[in-house]
Amino acid sequence: MSIVKLNNRAVSNATTFGSISSLGEMKFISKATASASASIEFTSGIDSTYKEYVFYFVNIHSITNNNYFTFNMSTDSGSNYNVTKTSTKFWSTQYEAGGGTALVYRDIFDMAQGTGFLAIAEEMGGTSGVGGGDTDANLSGSLTIFNPSSSTYVKHFISRTGNVRGDELCSDNYVAGYGNTTSPVNAIKFQLNSGNFNGEILLFGIN
């Protein structure tokens, strides 16, 4: 069968270069919903089935103002979240009213062989608290962890999120780093640095 070229330059019926499914498929694993919750934990579904695991954050909203969204990893199915991590972060910003534009390396958020929870976004606007309430503010984005079940390599992760702070500053956050362990990572926990939150987190695996 010949290759059929469509008007939008896509390709249809292209059997000559193998199955498209071999390029990888994204599979839904689970979803967790926070309702004024202190944290969300994924203690199952993270294993050797997939080489990549992607968490999608949908409308994460802090109950109080100006809190950071954080995560940590576990090698003992959630008994302890204390994997040693090294990371780096930069962000771009813009206020709703204009001004405040920046593209900045945020070294204050870096972690160098730390075991605590790692912030992957700037402060979020909440319903109440310092800076005033911002009931429609929220955070959305993703965190990808690569080959968490490896017993040979450290565990790389990349995160990108967008969020609105209590003073209506929009930020685009980029975080990358690694969990410095060769033990398999099999659980992930998300929480704010303080207070509770609403929203959804979806977990997918990629072949």
N, C-alpha and C. Protein backbone atom coordinates (compact mmCIF):
# COMPACT_ATOMS: atom_id res chain seq x y z
N MET A 1 0.85 -1.19 0.00
CA MET A 1 0.00 0.00 0.00
C MET A 1 0.89 1.24 0.00
N SER A 2 0.56 2.22 -0.81
CA SER A 2 1.36 3.43 -0.91
C SER A 2 1.07 4.38 0.25
N ILE A 3 2.02 5.25 0.51
CA ILE A 3 1.83 6.28 1.53
C ILE A 3 0.91 7.36 0.98
N VAL A 4 -0.09 7.74 1.77
CA VAL A 4 -1.04 8.78 1.37
C VAL A 4 -0.69 10.05 2.12
N LYS A 5 -0.40 11.13 1.38
CA LYS A 5 -0.04 12.41 1.99
C LYS A 5 -1.27 13.31 2.01
N LEU A 6 -1.64 13.78 3.18
CA LEU A 6 -2.81 14.62 3.33
C LEU A 6 -2.44 16.08 3.11
N ASN A 7 -3.48 16.93 2.96
CA ASN A 7 -3.25 18.35 2.69
C ASN A 7 -2.51 19.05 3.82
N ASN A 8 -2.71 18.57 5.06
CA ASN A 8 -2.05 19.21 6.19
C ASN A 8 -0.67 18.61 6.46
N ARG A 9 -0.14 17.87 5.47
CA ARG A 9 1.19 17.26 5.51
C ARG A 9 1.30 16.09 6.49
N ALA A 10 0.15 15.64 7.04
CA ALA A 10 0.16 14.43 7.85
C ALA A 10 0.26 13.22 6.92
N VAL A 11 0.49 12.04 7.49
CA VAL A 11 0.64 10.84 6.69
C VAL A 11 -0.40 9.82 7.13
N SER A 12 -1.09 9.22 6.16
CA SER A 12 -2.09 8.20 6.45
C SER A 12 -1.72 6.91 5.73
N ASN A 13 -2.11 5.76 6.32
CA ASN A 13 -1.87 4.45 5.71
C ASN A 13 -0.38 4.20 5.45
N ALA A 14 0.46 4.66 6.38
CA ALA A 14 1.91 4.52 6.19
C ALA A 14 2.39 3.22 6.83
N THR A 15 2.16 2.11 6.12
CA THR A 15 2.52 0.81 6.68
C THR A 15 3.98 0.47 6.45
N THR A 16 4.67 1.23 5.62
CA THR A 16 6.02 0.85 5.25
C THR A 16 7.04 1.10 6.34
N PHE A 17 6.72 1.92 7.37
CA PHE A 17 7.71 2.11 8.42
C PHE A 17 7.20 1.67 9.78
N GLY A 18 6.42 0.59 9.77
CA GLY A 18 6.10 -0.11 11.00
C GLY A 18 4.94 0.47 11.77
N SER A 19 4.69 -0.16 12.90
CA SER A 19 3.55 0.21 13.72
C SER A 19 3.82 1.52 14.48
N ILE A 20 2.87 2.46 14.40
CA ILE A 20 3.00 3.71 15.13
C ILE A 20 2.99 3.45 16.64
N SER A 21 2.32 2.38 17.09
CA SER A 21 2.23 2.10 18.52
C SER A 21 3.60 1.82 19.13
N SER A 22 4.58 1.45 18.32
CA SER A 22 5.90 1.18 18.85
C SER A 22 6.60 2.46 19.31
N LEU A 23 6.06 3.63 18.92
CA LEU A 23 6.64 4.90 19.33
C LEU A 23 6.28 5.24 20.76
N GLY A 24 5.36 4.52 21.38
CA GLY A 24 4.99 4.77 22.76
C GLY A 24 3.55 5.22 22.91
N GLU A 25 2.92 4.77 23.97
CA GLU A 25 1.53 5.11 24.25
C GLU A 25 1.40 5.59 25.68
N MET A 26 0.52 6.55 25.90
CA MET A 26 0.24 7.04 27.24
C MET A 26 -0.97 6.31 27.80
N LYS A 27 -0.84 5.76 28.99
CA LYS A 27 -1.89 4.97 29.62
C LYS A 27 -2.32 5.62 30.93
N PHE A 28 -3.63 5.83 31.08
CA PHE A 28 -4.15 6.37 32.33
C PHE A 28 -4.04 5.31 33.43
N ILE A 29 -3.54 5.71 34.60
CA ILE A 29 -3.40 4.79 35.73
C ILE A 29 -4.40 5.10 36.83
N SER A 30 -4.43 6.34 37.31
CA SER A 30 -5.33 6.67 38.41
C SER A 30 -5.50 8.18 38.53
N LYS A 31 -6.51 8.57 39.31
CA LYS A 31 -6.77 9.99 39.58
C LYS A 31 -7.09 10.15 41.05
N ALA A 32 -6.58 11.21 41.66
CA ALA A 32 -6.87 11.53 43.06
C ALA A 32 -7.41 12.95 43.13
N THR A 33 -8.43 13.14 43.96
CA THR A 33 -9.06 14.45 44.11
C THR A 33 -8.86 14.96 45.52
N ALA A 34 -8.36 16.19 45.63
CA ALA A 34 -8.19 16.84 46.92
C ALA A 34 -9.37 17.75 47.19
N SER A 35 -9.93 17.64 48.38
CA SER A 35 -11.02 18.52 48.82
C SER A 35 -10.65 19.01 50.22
N ALA A 36 -10.05 20.20 50.26
CA ALA A 36 -9.49 20.73 51.51
C ALA A 36 -8.58 19.68 52.15
N SER A 37 -7.73 19.06 51.34
CA SER A 37 -6.87 17.96 51.78
C SER A 37 -5.47 18.47 52.12
N ALA A 38 -4.83 17.80 53.06
CA ALA A 38 -3.46 18.16 53.44
C ALA A 38 -2.45 17.62 52.44
N SER A 39 -2.77 16.51 51.77
CA SER A 39 -1.83 15.91 50.84
C SER A 39 -2.54 14.92 49.94
N ILE A 40 -1.86 14.52 48.88
CA ILE A 40 -2.28 13.42 48.01
C ILE A 40 -1.08 12.49 47.85
N GLU A 41 -1.30 11.20 48.05
CA GLU A 41 -0.24 10.21 47.91
C GLU A 41 -0.61 9.20 46.82
N PHE A 42 0.38 8.84 46.02
CA PHE A 42 0.25 7.75 45.06
C PHE A 42 1.17 6.63 45.54
N THR A 43 0.59 5.62 46.15
CA THR A 43 1.37 4.53 46.72
C THR A 43 1.22 3.23 45.92
N SER A 44 0.52 3.29 44.82
CA SER A 44 0.41 2.13 43.92
C SER A 44 0.42 2.62 42.49
N GLY A 45 0.74 1.73 41.57
CA GLY A 45 0.75 2.07 40.16
C GLY A 45 2.08 2.58 39.65
N ILE A 46 3.05 2.80 40.55
CA ILE A 46 4.39 3.24 40.13
C ILE A 46 5.33 2.06 40.29
N ASP A 47 5.64 1.42 39.16
CA ASP A 47 6.46 0.20 39.20
C ASP A 47 7.23 0.08 37.90
N SER A 48 7.64 -1.12 37.56
CA SER A 48 8.47 -1.32 36.37
C SER A 48 7.65 -1.44 35.08
N THR A 49 6.35 -1.23 35.16
CA THR A 49 5.50 -1.36 33.97
C THR A 49 5.86 -0.33 32.91
N TYR A 50 6.17 0.90 33.34
CA TYR A 50 6.47 1.99 32.41
C TYR A 50 7.82 2.61 32.73
N LYS A 51 8.44 3.20 31.71
CA LYS A 51 9.71 3.90 31.88
C LYS A 51 9.51 5.37 32.25
N GLU A 52 8.34 5.91 31.95
CA GLU A 52 8.02 7.28 32.33
C GLU A 52 6.68 7.31 33.04
N TYR A 53 6.59 8.14 34.07
CA TYR A 53 5.33 8.39 34.76
C TYR A 53 5.10 9.89 34.79
N VAL A 54 3.89 10.30 34.37
CA VAL A 54 3.56 11.72 34.29
C VAL A 54 2.37 12.02 35.20
N PHE A 55 2.55 12.98 36.09
CA PHE A 55 1.47 13.47 36.95
C PHE A 55 0.97 14.80 36.36
N TYR A 56 -0.34 14.89 36.14
CA TYR A 56 -0.94 16.14 35.67
C TYR A 56 -1.73 16.78 36.81
N PHE A 57 -1.45 18.05 37.06
CA PHE A 57 -2.12 18.82 38.10
C PHE A 57 -3.21 19.68 37.45
N VAL A 58 -4.43 19.57 37.97
CA VAL A 58 -5.55 20.30 37.38
C VAL A 58 -6.21 21.16 38.46
N ASN A 59 -6.11 22.47 38.31
CA ASN A 59 -6.78 23.43 39.21
C ASN A 59 -6.44 23.17 40.67
N ILE A 60 -5.16 23.08 40.98
CA ILE A 60 -4.72 22.97 42.37
C ILE A 60 -4.89 24.34 43.03
N HIS A 61 -5.75 24.42 44.03
CA HIS A 61 -6.10 25.70 44.65
C HIS A 61 -5.83 25.65 46.15
N SER A 62 -4.95 26.53 46.59
CA SER A 62 -4.62 26.60 48.01
C SER A 62 -5.76 27.24 48.79
N ILE A 63 -6.11 26.66 49.94
CA ILE A 63 -7.17 27.22 50.77
C ILE A 63 -6.74 28.56 51.35
N THR A 64 -5.49 28.69 51.73
CA THR A 64 -4.95 29.96 52.20
C THR A 64 -3.93 30.47 51.19
N ASN A 65 -3.59 31.75 51.32
CA ASN A 65 -2.80 32.41 50.30
C ASN A 65 -1.30 32.13 50.43
N ASN A 66 -0.62 32.21 49.28
CA ASN A 66 0.84 32.25 49.22
C ASN A 66 1.51 31.01 49.81
N ASN A 67 1.08 29.83 49.36
CA ASN A 67 1.73 28.57 49.72
C ASN A 67 2.36 27.93 48.49
N TYR A 68 3.38 27.11 48.72
CA TYR A 68 4.09 26.45 47.64
C TYR A 68 3.57 25.02 47.46
N PHE A 69 3.51 24.58 46.21
CA PHE A 69 3.13 23.21 45.89
C PHE A 69 4.41 22.38 45.83
N THR A 70 4.45 21.29 46.60
CA THR A 70 5.69 20.52 46.76
C THR A 70 5.45 19.03 46.53
N PHE A 71 6.55 18.29 46.37
CA PHE A 71 6.45 16.83 46.27
C PHE A 71 7.69 16.19 46.88
N ASN A 72 7.55 14.90 47.17
CA ASN A 72 8.68 14.09 47.60
C ASN A 72 8.46 12.65 47.15
N MET A 73 9.53 11.88 47.17
CA MET A 73 9.52 10.51 46.69
C MET A 73 9.80 9.54 47.83
N SER A 74 9.35 8.29 47.63
CA SER A 74 9.55 7.25 48.63
C SER A 74 10.09 5.99 47.96
N THR A 75 10.95 5.29 48.67
CA THR A 75 11.46 3.99 48.21
C THR A 75 10.91 2.84 49.04
N ASP A 76 10.00 3.15 49.98
CA ASP A 76 9.44 2.11 50.84
C ASP A 76 7.91 2.17 50.85
N SER A 77 7.34 2.41 49.68
CA SER A 77 5.88 2.38 49.47
C SER A 77 5.12 3.40 50.32
N GLY A 78 5.77 4.51 50.66
CA GLY A 78 5.11 5.58 51.37
C GLY A 78 5.29 5.61 52.86
N SER A 79 6.09 4.71 53.41
CA SER A 79 6.37 4.77 54.84
C SER A 79 7.19 6.00 55.19
N ASN A 80 8.09 6.38 54.28
CA ASN A 80 8.91 7.58 54.45
C ASN A 80 9.04 8.30 53.11
N TYR A 81 8.93 9.61 53.14
CA TYR A 81 9.16 10.43 51.95
C TYR A 81 10.39 11.29 52.23
N ASN A 82 11.55 10.79 51.87
CA ASN A 82 12.79 11.45 52.24
C ASN A 82 13.92 11.15 51.27
N VAL A 83 13.60 10.97 49.99
CA VAL A 83 14.64 10.69 49.00
C VAL A 83 15.53 11.93 48.83
N THR A 84 16.82 11.74 48.82
CA THR A 84 17.78 12.82 48.62
C THR A 84 17.66 13.36 47.20
N LYS A 85 17.54 14.71 47.08
CA LYS A 85 17.28 15.32 45.78
C LYS A 85 18.23 16.48 45.52
N THR A 86 18.56 16.66 44.24
CA THR A 86 19.25 17.86 43.77
C THR A 86 18.43 18.44 42.62
N SER A 87 18.22 19.76 42.62
CA SER A 87 17.31 20.35 41.64
C SER A 87 17.71 21.77 41.29
N THR A 88 17.09 22.31 40.25
CA THR A 88 17.27 23.69 39.84
C THR A 88 15.96 24.21 39.28
N LYS A 89 15.79 25.57 39.27
CA LYS A 89 14.50 26.16 38.88
C LYS A 89 14.71 27.53 38.23
N PHE A 90 13.87 27.81 37.20
CA PHE A 90 13.75 29.18 36.72
C PHE A 90 12.29 29.45 36.40
N TRP A 91 11.95 30.73 36.26
CA TRP A 91 10.55 31.10 36.00
C TRP A 91 10.47 32.36 35.16
N SER A 92 9.30 32.55 34.52
CA SER A 92 8.96 33.81 33.87
C SER A 92 7.68 34.33 34.50
N THR A 93 7.49 35.67 34.51
CA THR A 93 6.38 36.27 35.24
C THR A 93 5.74 37.43 34.49
N GLN A 94 4.50 37.72 34.89
CA GLN A 94 3.76 38.87 34.37
C GLN A 94 2.57 39.14 35.29
N TYR A 95 2.36 40.40 35.70
CA TYR A 95 1.18 40.76 36.48
C TYR A 95 -0.03 40.95 35.57
N GLU A 96 -1.23 40.72 36.13
CA GLU A 96 -2.47 40.93 35.38
C GLU A 96 -2.57 42.36 34.86
N ALA A 97 -2.13 43.31 35.66
CA ALA A 97 -2.23 44.72 35.28
C ALA A 97 -1.07 45.19 34.42
N GLY A 98 -0.18 44.27 34.06
CA GLY A 98 1.01 44.63 33.30
C GLY A 98 2.19 44.87 34.22
N GLY A 99 3.38 44.79 33.66
CA GLY A 99 4.58 44.98 34.46
C GLY A 99 4.96 43.72 35.19
N GLY A 100 6.09 43.78 35.88
CA GLY A 100 6.56 42.63 36.62
C GLY A 100 7.08 41.51 35.75
N THR A 101 7.41 41.82 34.50
CA THR A 101 7.90 40.78 33.60
C THR A 101 9.33 40.41 33.97
N ALA A 102 9.61 39.13 33.94
CA ALA A 102 10.95 38.66 34.30
C ALA A 102 11.17 37.26 33.77
N LEU A 103 12.41 36.92 33.57
CA LEU A 103 12.85 35.55 33.28
C LEU A 103 14.07 35.34 34.16
N VAL A 104 13.91 34.59 35.25
CA VAL A 104 14.88 34.60 36.34
C VAL A 104 15.22 33.19 36.80
N TYR A 105 16.51 32.95 37.05
CA TYR A 105 16.96 31.74 37.73
C TYR A 105 16.64 31.90 39.21
N ARG A 106 15.88 30.95 39.79
CA ARG A 106 15.40 31.06 41.16
C ARG A 106 16.22 30.15 42.07
N ASP A 107 17.42 30.59 42.38
CA ASP A 107 18.32 29.75 43.17
C ASP A 107 17.81 29.52 44.58
N ILE A 108 16.91 30.39 45.08
CA ILE A 108 16.40 30.18 46.44
C ILE A 108 15.54 28.93 46.54
N PHE A 109 15.09 28.40 45.39
CA PHE A 109 14.29 27.18 45.39
C PHE A 109 15.12 25.94 45.07
N ASP A 110 16.41 26.13 44.77
CA ASP A 110 17.26 24.98 44.48
C ASP A 110 17.39 24.08 45.70
N MET A 111 17.59 22.81 45.44
CA MET A 111 17.89 21.85 46.50
C MET A 111 19.18 21.13 46.14
N ALA A 112 20.10 21.03 47.09
CA ALA A 112 21.38 20.35 46.86
C ALA A 112 21.53 19.25 47.90
N GLN A 113 21.19 18.04 47.48
CA GLN A 113 21.26 16.86 48.34
C GLN A 113 20.38 17.04 49.59
N GLY A 114 19.19 17.56 49.37
CA GLY A 114 18.22 17.70 50.45
C GLY A 114 17.22 16.57 50.44
N THR A 115 16.62 16.31 51.59
CA THR A 115 15.65 15.22 51.71
C THR A 115 14.22 15.71 51.93
N GLY A 116 14.05 17.03 52.07
CA GLY A 116 12.72 17.56 52.34
C GLY A 116 11.86 17.62 51.09
N PHE A 117 10.64 18.13 51.26
CA PHE A 117 9.73 18.30 50.13
C PHE A 117 10.23 19.44 49.25
N LEU A 118 10.18 19.23 47.94
CA LEU A 118 10.71 20.17 46.96
C LEU A 118 9.59 20.99 46.34
N ALA A 119 9.71 22.31 46.38
CA ALA A 119 8.72 23.21 45.75
C ALA A 119 8.91 23.19 44.25
N ILE A 120 7.82 22.96 43.51
CA ILE A 120 7.89 22.95 42.05
C ILE A 120 7.15 24.12 41.43
N ALA A 121 6.69 25.07 42.27
CA ALA A 121 6.02 26.27 41.76
C ALA A 121 6.14 27.38 42.79
N GLU A 122 5.94 28.61 42.34
CA GLU A 122 5.92 29.76 43.23
C GLU A 122 4.64 29.75 44.07
N GLU A 123 4.50 30.77 44.92
CA GLU A 123 3.32 30.86 45.78
C GLU A 123 2.03 30.86 44.94
N MET A 124 1.00 30.23 45.51
CA MET A 124 -0.31 30.23 44.88
C MET A 124 -1.25 31.19 45.58
N GLY A 125 -2.16 31.80 44.83
CA GLY A 125 -3.21 32.58 45.44
C GLY A 125 -4.23 31.67 46.08
N GLY A 126 -4.69 32.03 47.27
CA GLY A 126 -5.67 31.23 47.98
C GLY A 126 -6.94 32.01 48.23
N THR A 127 -7.86 31.39 48.97
CA THR A 127 -9.13 32.02 49.29
C THR A 127 -8.96 33.11 50.32
N SER A 128 -7.99 32.95 51.21
CA SER A 128 -7.77 33.94 52.26
C SER A 128 -6.31 33.93 52.66
N GLY A 129 -5.90 34.91 53.44
CA GLY A 129 -4.55 34.94 53.96
C GLY A 129 -3.78 36.16 53.53
N VAL A 130 -2.48 36.13 53.75
CA VAL A 130 -1.62 37.27 53.43
C VAL A 130 -1.70 37.58 51.94
N GLY A 131 -1.86 38.84 51.61
CA GLY A 131 -1.95 39.25 50.22
C GLY A 131 -3.38 39.32 49.71
N GLY A 132 -4.34 38.91 50.53
CA GLY A 132 -5.73 38.98 50.10
C GLY A 132 -6.18 37.72 49.40
N GLY A 133 -7.46 37.46 49.42
CA GLY A 133 -7.99 36.26 48.78
C GLY A 133 -8.04 36.38 47.28
N ASP A 134 -7.91 35.28 46.59
CA ASP A 134 -8.00 35.23 45.14
C ASP A 134 -8.66 33.90 44.80
N THR A 135 -9.99 33.87 44.85
CA THR A 135 -10.73 32.61 44.83
C THR A 135 -10.62 31.85 43.51
N ASP A 136 -10.26 32.55 42.42
CA ASP A 136 -10.16 31.84 41.14
C ASP A 136 -8.73 31.42 40.82
N ALA A 137 -7.77 31.77 41.67
CA ALA A 137 -6.37 31.43 41.41
C ALA A 137 -6.14 29.93 41.60
N ASN A 138 -5.27 29.38 40.79
CA ASN A 138 -4.94 27.96 40.90
C ASN A 138 -3.65 27.65 40.16
N LEU A 139 -3.24 26.42 40.26
CA LEU A 139 -2.03 25.93 39.60
C LEU A 139 -2.40 24.73 38.72
N SER A 140 -1.81 24.66 37.55
CA SER A 140 -1.94 23.49 36.69
C SER A 140 -0.60 23.21 36.03
N GLY A 141 -0.37 21.96 35.67
CA GLY A 141 0.89 21.62 35.04
C GLY A 141 1.19 20.14 35.15
N SER A 142 2.47 19.80 35.16
CA SER A 142 2.84 18.38 35.15
C SER A 142 4.19 18.15 35.81
N LEU A 143 4.39 16.91 36.22
CA LEU A 143 5.67 16.41 36.73
C LEU A 143 5.93 15.06 36.08
N THR A 144 7.07 14.91 35.43
CA THR A 144 7.46 13.65 34.81
C THR A 144 8.64 13.05 35.57
N ILE A 145 8.52 11.77 35.91
CA ILE A 145 9.60 11.03 36.56
C ILE A 145 10.01 9.89 35.65
N PHE A 146 11.31 9.76 35.41
CA PHE A 146 11.83 8.81 34.44
C PHE A 146 12.39 7.57 35.11
N ASN A 147 11.91 6.43 34.65
CA ASN A 147 12.40 5.11 35.05
C ASN A 147 12.55 4.99 36.57
N PRO A 148 11.48 5.21 37.32
CA PRO A 148 11.58 5.19 38.78
C PRO A 148 11.94 3.83 39.36
N SER A 149 11.74 2.75 38.61
CA SER A 149 12.01 1.42 39.13
C SER A 149 13.44 0.95 38.89
N SER A 150 14.25 1.80 38.27
CA SER A 150 15.64 1.41 38.02
C SER A 150 16.38 1.14 39.32
N SER A 151 17.17 0.09 39.34
CA SER A 151 18.05 -0.20 40.47
C SER A 151 19.50 0.13 40.14
N THR A 152 19.69 0.87 39.00
CA THR A 152 21.02 1.25 38.55
C THR A 152 21.24 2.75 38.56
N TYR A 153 20.20 3.51 38.15
CA TYR A 153 20.37 4.94 37.91
C TYR A 153 19.62 5.80 38.91
N VAL A 154 20.07 7.07 39.04
CA VAL A 154 19.31 8.06 39.80
C VAL A 154 18.01 8.35 39.07
N LYS A 155 17.07 9.01 39.76
CA LYS A 155 15.71 9.18 39.23
C LYS A 155 15.47 10.62 38.79
N HIS A 156 15.61 10.86 37.49
CA HIS A 156 15.42 12.21 36.96
C HIS A 156 13.95 12.61 36.94
N PHE A 157 13.71 13.91 37.16
CA PHE A 157 12.36 14.45 37.05
C PHE A 157 12.40 15.84 36.42
N ILE A 158 11.31 16.18 35.73
CA ILE A 158 11.13 17.50 35.11
C ILE A 158 9.71 17.95 35.39
N SER A 159 9.56 19.21 35.79
CA SER A 159 8.22 19.74 36.06
C SER A 159 8.05 21.08 35.36
N ARG A 160 6.85 21.31 34.84
CA ARG A 160 6.47 22.63 34.34
C ARG A 160 5.06 22.94 34.82
N THR A 161 4.90 24.08 35.45
CA THR A 161 3.60 24.48 35.98
C THR A 161 3.36 25.96 35.71
N GLY A 162 2.09 26.31 35.62
CA GLY A 162 1.67 27.71 35.57
C GLY A 162 0.77 27.97 36.76
N ASN A 163 0.94 29.12 37.42
CA ASN A 163 0.08 29.41 38.55
C ASN A 163 -0.07 30.92 38.74
N VAL A 164 -1.06 31.29 39.55
CA VAL A 164 -1.32 32.69 39.87
C VAL A 164 -1.13 32.90 41.36
N ARG A 165 -0.34 33.90 41.72
CA ARG A 165 -0.06 34.21 43.10
C ARG A 165 -1.17 35.11 43.67
N GLY A 166 -1.17 35.29 44.99
CA GLY A 166 -2.21 36.07 45.64
C GLY A 166 -2.27 37.51 45.19
N ASP A 167 -1.14 38.07 44.74
CA ASP A 167 -1.13 39.45 44.24
C ASP A 167 -1.30 39.50 42.73
N GLU A 168 -1.86 38.43 42.16
CA GLU A 168 -2.22 38.32 40.74
C GLU A 168 -0.99 38.33 39.82
N LEU A 169 0.09 37.75 40.30
CA LEU A 169 1.27 37.55 39.47
C LEU A 169 1.17 36.17 38.83
N CYS A 170 1.21 36.13 37.51
CA CYS A 170 1.22 34.87 36.76
C CYS A 170 2.65 34.40 36.62
N SER A 171 2.90 33.13 36.90
CA SER A 171 4.27 32.61 36.75
C SER A 171 4.27 31.30 35.98
N ASP A 172 5.32 31.11 35.21
CA ASP A 172 5.56 29.90 34.43
C ASP A 172 6.82 29.28 35.03
N ASN A 173 6.67 28.11 35.67
CA ASN A 173 7.73 27.53 36.50
C ASN A 173 8.36 26.30 35.84
N TYR A 174 9.68 26.28 35.80
CA TYR A 174 10.42 25.15 35.26
C TYR A 174 11.34 24.58 36.34
N VAL A 175 11.21 23.31 36.63
CA VAL A 175 12.04 22.65 37.64
C VAL A 175 12.58 21.35 37.05
N ALA A 176 13.85 21.08 37.30
CA ALA A 176 14.45 19.81 36.89
C ALA A 176 15.40 19.35 37.99
N GLY A 177 15.57 18.05 38.09
CA GLY A 177 16.48 17.52 39.09
C GLY A 177 16.48 16.01 39.08
N TYR A 178 16.99 15.44 40.17
CA TYR A 178 17.02 13.99 40.28
C TYR A 178 16.96 13.56 41.73
N GLY A 179 16.34 12.42 41.95
CA GLY A 179 16.41 11.76 43.23
C GLY A 179 17.67 10.92 43.26
N ASN A 180 18.56 11.21 44.20
CA ASN A 180 19.88 10.58 44.21
C ASN A 180 19.82 9.24 44.95
N THR A 181 19.14 8.30 44.31
CA THR A 181 19.03 6.96 44.86
C THR A 181 18.98 5.95 43.73
N THR A 182 19.59 4.81 43.94
CA THR A 182 19.48 3.72 42.98
C THR A 182 18.42 2.71 43.41
N SER A 183 17.77 2.98 44.53
CA SER A 183 16.65 2.14 44.95
C SER A 183 15.41 2.53 44.15
N PRO A 184 14.56 1.59 43.80
CA PRO A 184 13.34 1.93 43.07
C PRO A 184 12.45 2.88 43.87
N VAL A 185 11.97 3.91 43.20
CA VAL A 185 10.98 4.82 43.78
C VAL A 185 9.60 4.26 43.47
N ASN A 186 8.77 4.06 44.50
CA ASN A 186 7.46 3.43 44.28
C ASN A 186 6.30 4.18 44.90
N ALA A 187 6.53 5.40 45.36
CA ALA A 187 5.43 6.22 45.88
C ALA A 187 5.83 7.69 45.79
N ILE A 188 4.82 8.55 45.56
CA ILE A 188 5.02 9.99 45.43
C ILE A 188 3.95 10.69 46.28
N LYS A 189 4.35 11.75 46.97
CA LYS A 189 3.41 12.51 47.80
C LYS A 189 3.47 13.98 47.40
N PHE A 190 2.28 14.60 47.30
CA PHE A 190 2.16 16.02 46.98
C PHE A 190 1.49 16.73 48.15
N GLN A 191 1.98 17.91 48.48
CA GLN A 191 1.36 18.71 49.53
C GLN A 191 1.83 20.16 49.39
N LEU A 192 1.15 21.06 50.10
CA LEU A 192 1.62 22.43 50.19
C LEU A 192 2.64 22.52 51.32
N ASN A 193 3.43 23.58 51.31
CA ASN A 193 4.34 23.79 52.43
C ASN A 193 3.58 24.14 53.70
N SER A 194 2.32 24.58 53.54
CA SER A 194 1.47 24.89 54.69
C SER A 194 0.02 24.89 54.24
N GLY A 195 -0.86 24.29 55.02
CA GLY A 195 -2.29 24.35 54.74
C GLY A 195 -2.78 23.29 53.78
N ASN A 196 -4.06 23.40 53.43
CA ASN A 196 -4.76 22.41 52.61
C ASN A 196 -5.06 22.94 51.22
N PHE A 197 -5.48 22.03 50.33
CA PHE A 197 -5.73 22.44 48.96
C PHE A 197 -6.85 21.61 48.33
N ASN A 198 -7.37 22.14 47.22
CA ASN A 198 -8.34 21.45 46.37
C ASN A 198 -7.69 21.17 45.02
N GLY A 199 -8.29 20.26 44.25
CA GLY A 199 -7.82 20.01 42.90
C GLY A 199 -7.69 18.54 42.58
N GLU A 200 -7.23 18.25 41.39
CA GLU A 200 -7.07 16.87 40.92
C GLU A 200 -5.65 16.63 40.45
N ILE A 201 -5.19 15.40 40.66
CA ILE A 201 -3.91 14.96 40.13
C ILE A 201 -4.14 13.63 39.40
N LEU A 202 -3.74 13.57 38.15
CA LEU A 202 -3.90 12.39 37.32
C LEU A 202 -2.54 11.77 37.04
N LEU A 203 -2.48 10.45 37.11
CA LEU A 203 -1.24 9.72 36.87
C LEU A 203 -1.36 8.90 35.59
N PHE A 204 -0.34 9.07 34.70
CA PHE A 204 -0.27 8.32 33.46
C PHE A 204 1.09 7.62 33.37
N GLY A 205 1.13 6.51 32.66
CA GLY A 205 2.37 5.84 32.33
C GLY A 205 2.60 5.89 30.85
N ILE A 206 3.86 5.93 30.43
CA ILE A 206 4.20 5.98 29.01
C ILE A 206 5.09 4.79 28.69
N ASN A 207 4.68 4.01 27.69
CA ASN A 207 5.45 2.84 27.27
C ASN A 207 6.80 3.26 26.71
